[in-house]
Amino acid sequence: MSEINSEKNELYPVVAIRDGIVFPSAENVLVFGREKSVAAMKHAMKNEKKVILVMQKKADLEDPETKDLYDVGVVAQIDKIATSEKGQINALVKGLYKVHIDSYSQTEPYIAATASEILESSQETEEILAVVKYISGQVKKAINLGKTIDFVFLMNILNIQSSHNFSNQVAMIVDIKTSERQELLEETDLKTRLQKEVEYINKEIKVLELEHNISNKTQKKFEKNMRETFLREKMKTIEEELGDKGDNVEVNEYKKKIKDAAMPEDVQKKAVKELKRLSQMSQYNPEASYIRSYLDWLVEIPWNHASEQNIDIKLAEKILDEDHFGLKKVKERIIEFLAVMKLKSMQDEEIDKAEKKKPDSKKPNNKHEHQPSILCFVGPPGVGKTSLGKSIARAQGREFVKISLGGIRDEAEIRGHRRTYVGALPGRMIQGIKQAGTKNPVFMLDEIDKIGSDYRGDPSAALLEALDPEQNHAFSDHYLEVPFNMSEVFFITTANILDTIPDALRDRLEIIHFAGYTEDEKFNIAKNYLIPKQLRAHHISQDKIGVSDGALRIIIRRYSREAGVRELERQVATVFRKVARDIVENKIKGKKKIIATADTQKYLGPFKYSESMIEDKDTVGITTGLAWTQVGGVILFVEVANMPGKGSLTLTGNLGDVMKESCQAALTYIRARWDTFKLEEKFYSDMDIHVHVPEGAVPKDGPSAGVSIVTSMISSLTGMPVKRDVAMTGEITLRGRVTEIGGLKEKVIAAHRAKIKTVIIPMENKKDLVDIPDNVKKDLNFIFASRIDDVLKAALIFPTKKKEFIDKRSKKASEGKNQK
């Protein structure tokens, strides 16, 4: 038990300390530097040499007030004092007894307070003595674990005279927070204070043990590394003295791999040089892992491993026909390409035989000359470009590898990174060769039209070296730093459009155009390929489910309108997903279920597209045009309206520069022939004309909308309707001539898909009708126009007099006589 001795109530200077309170019977050296602390110490030295040491509640306060100090402190005796040059006081102080601060009498120039002594009981029980002995042992254990204790404190603890004094000494050395140390100071019950000190010292010992274990492990690992390094260096020195280099397991493995890889001589020299560097290097050298990675790439690349060349033209035709329906012209071009490769292979065999018979012959070896061109499949998505590449690989018995170039803007993606970079790797070309496992795979570069360039380089320029037959026998990858022969790789590229392919790269490609599929082609593809494929994918037996021809044609016409067949395949998959659920729920059982025309809306919902995309009736100022986009041929409507104004021409619908110029040319043509169309001479001066192409969110451009624009303008200005079942394509000149356009097949197929009856095309494109499928040609009426007058006569609904007037003014109308 303890109590306040009110009789011993004295006034002393007060010194606020941040930490390190001196307990009764303990000594410590303290440094005082704050003005109030220095003033208090000087006052005490002039008088009784006693001060009250009180800890402040927050250590970061520079000038604490009385409210910032604890109520319990220690009266300390100043034994020795020394003043530094900076005015700081170093003092040896000894704690005398605890006090409770009753009141503060002043705060300037130092704090002074009246305090009463706190009395503590001196009774010591056997339990208290046992705890004291336990703590003493724990302190020794902490010292053995590395705890640093001042020698004076250590001697005081070991020479136990009083349990109170022992507790005070322990409270000084234990590693705890300031607030916890203040709690020990304020605790007047000896047993409780000793129990708290047991908790604190045990906690500290656990931390010391953990630090000790970590230190030991680190030391052992360091000693082991040092020992291994020392022995390794000693072994190297002995080997150098003996003039012999001992082989280790890793080096032997790499030597065997290098030999088995059958590398070219210059590559093998490079590999051996790097292996020698690795053998002389410590395994802990960071560069060693880079060399291992480099050697792994060198030995895993198929330098001399090729698929056996066995080109069977008949077999190739059979495989192409099995895997793809239609695409007759494309297949013919591929077979021709394979035939050339077959002849080249035969010629190379003859050269090899001749060289074996006459090894000293000086006849030039043209074995690697005249390499075939690189194929480039161009067409809308979903028409079979990628799958045709796989079929070509199967037909030749080669491996197939594909990389996508879409969005690549870094040249290092193609040519690799320099080995000096962290995480460097070869480019995608070499990675693809390694993936294939042979040096002569069919290598498809997908989406070649979507590569770009920025500050990191131009990937298309890096592709030139790989694709150019004159250069690719020594393709250089930045990572490998040795040439790789890519002349035996069969490269195929794919693109949706040619416009974005750089000219230098395009010049090295053999372009093969893929047109969109007709309805009949889609029907056969779905029936023979897509439906069986989706039945297998959905684990449905062909004996249970079938699709009627009528239902299939409805899906093609009313639920998918595209150049390819991807959306069609998705719609078929949707049907079979719902059918699979019906089977599981026992809604379909018994005999085979045939999906009929009436079932399509049940499985696919309302029709997405109307039966016909053309206008409902013949309309003034609206013409059906034909366009060719990266997703195939489409129809578009050109709308023209005129209203009173000041002669301005407004163009809307997200038109490109070429189409805007076509609009200007069309208006100029009409103004030049105002009398032909019985218009006022200056009709344009008090009239505004607005040209609009619907679907403004879709960019539109190209040199084939001229005839559509001029037809819509004349229709709007004269009030003559345009025939709704007539579509047209062609560009015009200011003289009224209709010029040749591209993408005719795709445009005609789009017109056929839209149920158009008559298609007007330039006379110069008549030769291209040979590419149009026969089933499309028989459903369409073609009109060949050499001048705009031919277009107007076929597209507009004329009053009799106006038509006769135009016939007279058109001197060259006979040259563009309508033909089918």
Foldseek 3Di string as FASTA:
>chain_A
DKDWDPVPKDKAFEAEDAFQAAAAQGKDKDKDDAQQNLVRQVVLVVDVQKYWYWYFQHSPDRQDDPVRTDQKTFIKHWDDWDADPNGMIITMIHTHFMWGFDAWDDPPPYTMTITTGMGADQDDDPVLVVLLVVVLVLVVLLVVLPQDDDPVLNVPSVPDDGLVSNLSSLLSRQDDDRVVSVVLRPDRHSVVSSVVSVVRSVVSSVVSVVVSVVVVVVVVVVVVVVVVVVVVVVVVVVCVVVVHDDDDPVLVVLVVLLVVLPAPPVLSVVLVVLSVVLSVDDPPPPVNVLSVVLSVLSSLFNQPFAFDFDADLVLLLVLLVQQAPDPVVVSVVVSVLSVVVVVLVVVLVVVVVVCVVPVPDPPDDCSLPPQDFAAEEEAAPAACQVVVLVSSQVNGVFFEFEDEQAAAAALCQAQWDASVDPPTDWHPVSVRSSVRSHLAHAYEYEALLRYHYDPNGGNLVLVCQCRASVRQCFRHHNHNRGGGGNSNYRYYYYHLDDPSRDPSSVVRYDYDYRAFDFLVSLLCCCQSPLLVVLCVVLVHDPFAEAEDSLLLSCCPQFPDDFRHCPSVSVLSNQQVVVVSVCVVVVVGDDGHDYQYNVCSCVRPNDGPDDNAPWDPFFAALKAWEWDADSRFIAIWIKGKAKDFAAQEEAEAQQEDPQVVVLLVLLVLLCLVPVVLLPHDNPNRGGMYMYIYIPPSVDHDYDQWCNLNNNLSVSRNRNVWTWGRLEYETFHAGSVFFTDADPRPQRRLSNSVSNVRAEYEHAQVCPVVCVVHDPVSVVRHFYFHGGGSLSVNVVTTDDDVVSNVSNVVVPPCVVVRPTDD
